[in-house]
């Protein structure tokens, strides 16, 4: 099979969490983000943060990492061949009066949203002053909202055609006349990065507002889809009724897509760990869609030289 897109959609239970706090509503009262219908959510940006934190750990432990690494989110490079965040997460680097580097992320994430209306609690925080001298009045008092129990629905998608590869556009008289694909990594490295991204979706733990708490986005149920085209329709699976679920799976099968279902709560069928293992085995034994067959690996520096506009002498 030629894999063009990979969708991972899953359910993860969270308890007593504030995985993505919002702005303060009143004074020092920290609020959890929630929709008008009462369901809490975690933004797509926070989901990407947790994903790349997991990817960083996995890449550091991988024997085939070479010189690759995951840059910090506040300092993303444009070097696709070594920086996994630059490759999988994209970047935008503006530069006055010259080329502005930009890359659309091959790996995207939806916000995580509770399946049902959430029950919000409030925690009272007090910082006692222990100084024997001075003004002891005005103890530091704050309240913090948290959500008690939620089943969070979240999805991730990988555009296989863009992993390790960029587009180069040619213009004549300001008209776009040609598109070329430039390869920045080997095919083996492309597959390694996708393998790590897939594994990272099962290891989401670094939610910034819960750094000291054991909040986990690791899946309880998961659907992993290896598709013959770019489609995110299956992200509806876990909030759909039974008839729609059957039709989604039937549509995938009809066009040659392969999927793996895992459920840690079911007596029959695969667990999430088994589904992920089967997905990794399938990835290893099948081919990725390659829009640049036969092209040689090119560095980011050479790529940028080829697309910078030539200065016209005055």
Protein backbone atom coordinates (compact mmCIF):
# COMPACT_ATOMS: atom_id res chain seq x y z
CA UNK A 1 0.00 0.00 0.00
CA UNK A 2 1.11 3.59 -0.69
CA UNK A 3 0.32 5.64 2.43
CA UNK A 4 -0.71 9.24 1.75
CA UNK A 5 -2.30 10.24 5.05
CA UNK A 6 -2.39 8.94 8.61
CA UNK A 7 -5.20 9.83 11.01
CA UNK A 8 -5.15 9.08 14.72
CA UNK A 9 -8.36 9.76 16.65
CA UNK A 10 -8.83 8.71 20.25
CA UNK A 11 -10.56 9.05 23.61
CA UNK A 12 -8.57 9.80 26.77
CA UNK A 13 -10.05 10.02 30.29
CA UNK A 14 -8.89 12.96 32.44
CA UNK A 15 -9.72 13.56 36.11
CA UNK A 16 -9.33 16.69 38.26
CA UNK A 17 -7.49 18.44 35.48
CA UNK A 18 -6.82 21.95 34.22
CA UNK A 19 -4.84 20.82 31.19
CA UNK A 20 -5.32 24.17 29.46
CA UNK A 21 -6.21 27.13 31.66
CA UNK A 22 -7.79 30.26 30.24
CA UNK A 23 -7.46 33.91 31.11
CA UNK A 24 -8.43 35.06 34.59
CA UNK A 25 -12.10 35.94 34.83
CA UNK A 26 -12.04 37.94 38.08
CA UNK A 27 -8.85 39.08 39.73
CA UNK A 28 -6.75 36.05 40.57
CA UNK A 29 -9.35 33.39 39.77
CA UNK A 30 -7.82 31.03 37.20
CA UNK A 31 -10.43 29.53 34.86
CA UNK A 32 -10.43 26.39 32.75
CA UNK A 33 -11.31 26.76 29.07
CA UNK A 34 -14.79 25.54 28.18
CA UNK A 35 -17.24 25.87 25.32
CA UNK A 36 -20.64 27.61 25.60
CA UNK A 37 -22.25 24.14 25.89
CA UNK A 38 -20.29 23.47 29.10
CA UNK A 39 -17.74 21.04 27.68
CA UNK A 40 -14.12 21.78 28.53
CA UNK A 41 -11.52 21.78 25.79
CA UNK A 42 -7.76 21.82 25.31
CA UNK A 43 -6.62 23.98 22.41
CA UNK A 44 -4.93 22.57 19.34
CA UNK A 45 -1.85 24.61 20.26
CA UNK A 46 -1.62 22.86 23.65
CA UNK A 47 -2.17 19.49 21.95
CA UNK A 48 0.78 20.22 19.65
CA UNK A 49 2.87 21.23 22.67
CA UNK A 50 2.17 17.89 24.37
CA UNK A 51 2.80 16.00 21.12
CA UNK A 52 6.20 17.57 20.44
CA UNK A 53 7.26 17.16 24.06
CA UNK A 54 6.59 13.44 23.68
CA UNK A 55 8.34 13.42 20.30
CA UNK A 56 11.41 15.05 21.86
CA UNK A 57 11.74 12.27 24.44
CA UNK A 58 11.19 9.53 21.88
CA UNK A 59 13.71 10.98 19.43
CA UNK A 60 16.34 11.34 22.18
CA UNK A 61 16.02 7.62 22.93
CA UNK A 62 16.00 6.51 19.29
CA UNK A 63 19.23 4.92 18.05
CA UNK A 64 18.67 6.24 14.53
CA UNK A 65 18.31 9.90 15.49
CA UNK A 66 21.73 10.95 14.17
CA UNK A 67 22.03 14.75 14.45
CA UNK A 68 18.28 15.33 14.62
CA UNK A 69 16.55 17.03 17.55
CA UNK A 70 13.31 18.82 18.45
CA UNK A 71 13.75 22.57 18.86
CA UNK A 72 11.95 24.55 21.56
CA UNK A 73 8.62 25.99 20.49
CA UNK A 74 9.86 29.55 20.95
CA UNK A 75 12.97 29.03 18.83
CA UNK A 76 12.06 26.89 15.83
CA UNK A 77 14.71 26.76 13.10
CA UNK A 78 14.09 26.36 9.38
CA UNK A 79 16.50 23.42 9.02
CA UNK A 80 14.12 20.63 8.04
CA UNK A 81 16.85 18.00 7.75
CA UNK A 82 17.79 18.16 11.46
CA UNK A 83 15.01 19.95 13.37
CA UNK A 84 11.97 17.68 13.72
CA UNK A 85 9.76 20.53 14.89
CA UNK A 86 10.70 22.54 11.80
CA UNK A 87 9.85 19.56 9.60
CA UNK A 88 6.72 18.17 11.25
CA UNK A 89 5.44 21.32 12.96
CA UNK A 90 6.17 23.99 10.35
CA UNK A 91 7.44 27.51 10.92
CA UNK A 92 7.10 31.14 9.88
CA UNK A 93 10.21 33.32 9.86
CA UNK A 94 9.69 36.82 8.49
CA UNK A 95 12.56 38.96 7.29
CA UNK A 96 12.22 42.56 6.14
CA UNK A 97 12.95 43.20 2.45
CA UNK A 98 14.03 39.62 1.80
CA UNK A 99 12.73 36.04 1.68
CA UNK A 100 10.30 35.05 4.45
CA UNK A 101 10.69 31.38 5.33
CA UNK A 102 7.45 29.50 5.96
CA UNK A 103 6.34 25.90 6.08
CA UNK A 104 2.89 24.42 6.56
CA UNK A 105 2.97 21.72 9.24
CA UNK A 106 2.62 18.13 7.95
CA UNK A 107 1.39 17.13 11.45
CA UNK A 108 -1.82 18.82 12.62
CA UNK A 109 -3.93 18.47 15.76
CA UNK A 110 -7.52 19.16 16.72
CA UNK A 111 -8.47 20.61 20.08
CA UNK A 112 -9.32 17.96 22.66
CA UNK A 113 -12.99 18.32 23.61
CA UNK A 114 -14.97 16.56 26.35
CA UNK A 115 -17.66 14.24 25.01
CA UNK A 116 -20.19 15.47 27.57
CA UNK A 117 -20.82 18.58 29.65
CA UNK A 118 -18.15 18.95 32.32
CA UNK A 119 -18.47 19.40 36.08
CA UNK A 120 -16.28 22.29 37.19
CA UNK A 121 -14.88 22.56 40.70
CA UNK A 122 -12.87 25.28 42.43
CA UNK A 123 -9.77 24.90 44.50
CA UNK A 124 -8.82 27.51 47.11
CA UNK A 125 -5.12 28.35 47.18
CA UNK A 126 -3.57 30.26 50.11
CA UNK A 127 0.07 31.27 50.47
CA UNK A 128 0.78 31.87 54.17
CA UNK A 129 3.32 34.54 55.13
CA UNK A 130 5.74 33.27 57.73
CA UNK A 131 7.75 36.46 58.39
CA UNK A 132 7.89 37.39 62.08
CA UNK A 133 8.29 41.08 61.30
CA UNK A 134 6.51 43.47 59.02
CA UNK A 135 2.95 43.55 57.80
CA UNK A 136 1.40 40.08 58.13
CA UNK A 137 -1.97 41.12 56.74
CA UNK A 138 -3.24 40.34 53.28
CA UNK A 139 -2.44 36.68 52.81
CA UNK A 140 -2.17 35.64 49.14
CA UNK A 141 -5.50 34.01 48.28
CA UNK A 142 -6.53 32.62 44.90
CA UNK A 143 -9.04 30.19 43.45
CA UNK A 144 -8.41 27.78 40.62
CA UNK A 145 -11.00 26.03 38.50
CA UNK A 146 -10.60 22.38 37.54
CA UNK A 147 -12.70 19.84 35.66
CA UNK A 148 -13.61 16.76 37.64
CA UNK A 149 -14.00 13.91 35.13
CA UNK A 150 -13.94 14.06 31.32
CA UNK A 151 -13.53 11.76 28.38
CA UNK A 152 -11.58 13.88 25.91
CA UNK A 153 -11.86 13.36 22.15
CA UNK A 154 -8.72 14.36 20.20
CA UNK A 155 -7.29 13.73 16.74
CA UNK A 156 -3.98 14.07 14.92
CA UNK A 157 -3.22 13.92 11.21
CA UNK A 158 -0.03 13.36 9.20
CA UNK A 159 0.27 14.59 5.61
CA UNK A 160 2.83 12.02 4.46
CA UNK A 161 3.65 13.85 1.22
CA UNK A 162 5.12 16.82 3.14
CA UNK A 163 7.30 14.99 5.68
CA UNK A 164 10.96 15.73 4.85
CA UNK A 165 9.92 17.38 1.57
CA UNK A 166 9.26 20.97 0.50
CA UNK A 167 7.85 22.67 -2.57
CA UNK A 168 9.76 25.08 -4.76
CA UNK A 169 7.73 27.43 -6.95
CA UNK A 170 8.99 29.01 -10.16
CA UNK A 171 7.64 32.32 -11.44
CA UNK A 172 7.88 34.17 -14.71
CA UNK A 173 6.77 37.79 -14.73
CA UNK A 174 5.11 37.25 -11.33
CA UNK A 175 3.11 34.27 -12.64
CA UNK A 176 3.44 30.83 -11.08
CA UNK A 177 4.53 28.51 -13.90
CA UNK A 178 6.03 25.44 -12.22
CA UNK A 179 6.12 23.49 -8.92
CA UNK A 180 9.00 21.23 -7.94
CA UNK A 181 9.47 19.00 -4.90
CA UNK A 182 12.72 19.12 -2.94
CA UNK A 183 13.80 16.29 -0.65
CA UNK A 184 15.57 17.14 2.62
CA UNK A 185 15.81 13.65 4.16
CA UNK A 186 16.18 10.06 3.05
CA UNK A 187 13.15 7.81 2.69
CA UNK A 188 14.31 5.86 5.75
CA UNK A 189 14.42 9.05 7.83
CA UNK A 190 10.96 10.09 6.60
CA UNK A 191 9.53 6.80 7.83
CA UNK A 192 11.41 7.07 11.14
CA UNK A 193 9.92 10.51 11.81
CA UNK A 194 6.40 9.30 11.03
CA UNK A 195 6.93 6.29 13.31
CA UNK A 196 7.95 8.59 16.16
CA UNK A 197 5.00 10.94 15.55
CA UNK A 198 2.64 7.96 15.64
CA UNK A 199 4.18 6.72 18.87
CA UNK A 200 4.05 10.22 20.39
CA UNK A 201 0.24 10.34 20.11
CA UNK A 202 0.13 7.49 22.64
CA UNK A 203 2.43 9.30 25.08
CA UNK A 204 0.79 12.69 25.74
CA UNK A 205 1.63 13.81 29.28
CA UNK A 206 3.20 17.29 29.17
CA UNK A 207 0.25 19.62 29.58
CA UNK A 208 1.82 22.93 30.59
CA UNK A 209 -0.68 23.97 33.28
CA UNK A 210 -0.35 20.58 34.95
CA UNK A 211 3.43 20.24 34.97
CA UNK A 212 3.47 18.94 38.55
CA UNK A 213 0.35 16.78 38.25
CA UNK A 214 -0.04 13.38 36.64
CA UNK A 215 -2.46 14.49 33.93
CA UNK A 216 -2.41 12.11 30.97
CA UNK A 217 -3.77 12.26 27.45
CA UNK A 218 -2.82 8.64 26.75
CA UNK A 219 -5.66 6.90 24.89
CA UNK A 220 -8.27 4.58 26.30
CA UNK A 221 -9.74 4.00 22.83
CA UNK A 222 -8.06 4.67 19.50
CA UNK A 223 -8.65 4.45 15.76
CA UNK A 224 -5.54 4.58 13.56
CA UNK A 225 -6.13 5.01 9.82
CA UNK A 226 -3.57 4.58 7.02
CA UNK A 227 -5.25 6.20 4.06
CA UNK A 228 -4.81 6.27 0.30
CA UNK A 229 -5.74 9.95 0.23
CA UNK A 230 -5.84 12.95 2.57
CA UNK A 231 -9.02 12.64 4.61
CA UNK A 232 -9.95 13.52 8.19
CA UNK A 233 -13.53 12.24 8.07
CA UNK A 234 -12.74 9.38 10.46
CA UNK A 235 -12.05 11.92 13.23
CA UNK A 236 -15.85 11.87 13.75
CA UNK A 237 -15.80 8.15 14.63
CA UNK A 238 -15.95 8.25 18.44
CA UNK A 239 -18.74 10.85 18.62
CA UNK A 240 -20.83 9.18 15.90
CA UNK A 241 -23.77 6.80 16.34
CA UNK A 242 -23.27 3.11 15.53
CA UNK A 243 -24.67 3.37 11.99
CA UNK A 244 -22.33 6.25 11.09
CA UNK A 245 -19.38 4.39 12.61
CA UNK A 246 -20.11 1.39 10.37
CA UNK A 247 -20.39 3.62 7.31
CA UNK A 248 -17.10 5.39 8.09
CA UNK A 249 -15.24 2.09 8.37
CA UNK A 250 -16.94 0.75 5.23
CA UNK A 251 -15.88 3.86 3.28
CA UNK A 252 -12.28 3.41 4.41
CA UNK A 253 -12.26 -0.23 3.35
CA UNK A 254 -13.84 0.58 -0.04
CA UNK A 255 -11.00 2.89 -1.04
CA UNK A 256 -8.24 0.62 0.19
CA UNK A 257 -7.43 2.32 3.49
CA UNK A 258 -6.31 0.19 6.42
CA UNK A 259 -7.35 0.89 10.01
CA UNK A 260 -6.68 -0.47 13.49
CA UNK A 261 -9.10 -0.15 16.43
CA UNK A 262 -8.03 -0.44 20.05
CA UNK A 263 -10.14 -0.35 23.23
CA UNK A 264 -8.79 -0.90 26.74
CA UNK A 265 -12.32 -1.25 28.15
CA UNK A 266 -13.59 -4.02 25.83
CA UNK A 267 -13.44 -7.70 26.71
CA UNK A 268 -13.00 -8.62 23.05
CA UNK A 269 -10.79 -7.09 20.39
CA UNK A 270 -7.44 -5.35 20.61
CA UNK A 271 -6.23 -3.08 23.38
CA UNK A 272 -4.84 0.33 22.48
CA UNK A 273 -1.27 -0.96 22.91
CA UNK A 274 -1.97 -3.83 20.51
CA UNK A 275 -3.58 -1.49 17.97
CA UNK A 276 -0.52 0.79 18.06
CA UNK A 277 1.84 -2.15 17.65
CA UNK A 278 -0.10 -3.42 14.64
CA UNK A 279 -0.08 0.09 13.19
CA UNK A 280 3.70 0.36 13.60
CA UNK A 281 4.19 -3.04 11.95
CA UNK A 282 1.98 -1.97 9.06
CA UNK A 283 3.92 1.28 8.63
CA UNK A 284 7.23 -0.59 8.59
CA UNK A 285 6.10 -3.00 5.86
CA UNK A 286 4.43 -0.50 3.52
CA UNK A 287 5.55 2.47 1.42
CA UNK A 288 5.09 6.18 1.90
CA UNK A 289 3.74 8.38 -0.86
CA UNK A 290 6.73 10.11 -2.45
CA UNK A 291 6.04 13.23 -4.55
CA UNK A 292 9.76 13.56 -5.37
CA UNK A 293 10.91 10.12 -6.60
CA UNK A 294 14.53 9.87 -7.64
CA UNK A 295 15.53 13.30 -6.38
CA UNK A 296 18.67 13.77 -4.31
CA UNK A 297 18.71 15.12 -0.77
CA UNK A 298 19.21 18.89 -0.67
CA UNK A 299 20.15 21.03 2.34
CA UNK A 300 17.94 23.84 3.59
CA UNK A 301 20.70 26.34 2.80
CA UNK A 302 20.82 25.27 -0.86
CA UNK A 303 17.02 25.25 -1.05
CA UNK A 304 16.75 28.82 0.21
CA UNK A 305 19.43 30.02 -2.18
CA UNK A 306 17.38 28.65 -5.06
CA UNK A 307 14.20 30.51 -4.11
CA UNK A 308 15.52 33.89 -3.01
CA UNK A 309 14.62 36.57 -5.55
CA UNK A 310 17.58 38.01 -7.42
CA UNK A 311 18.44 41.61 -6.64
CA UNK A 312 18.00 43.89 -9.60
CA UNK A 313 20.79 46.43 -10.03
CA UNK A 314 19.62 50.02 -10.01
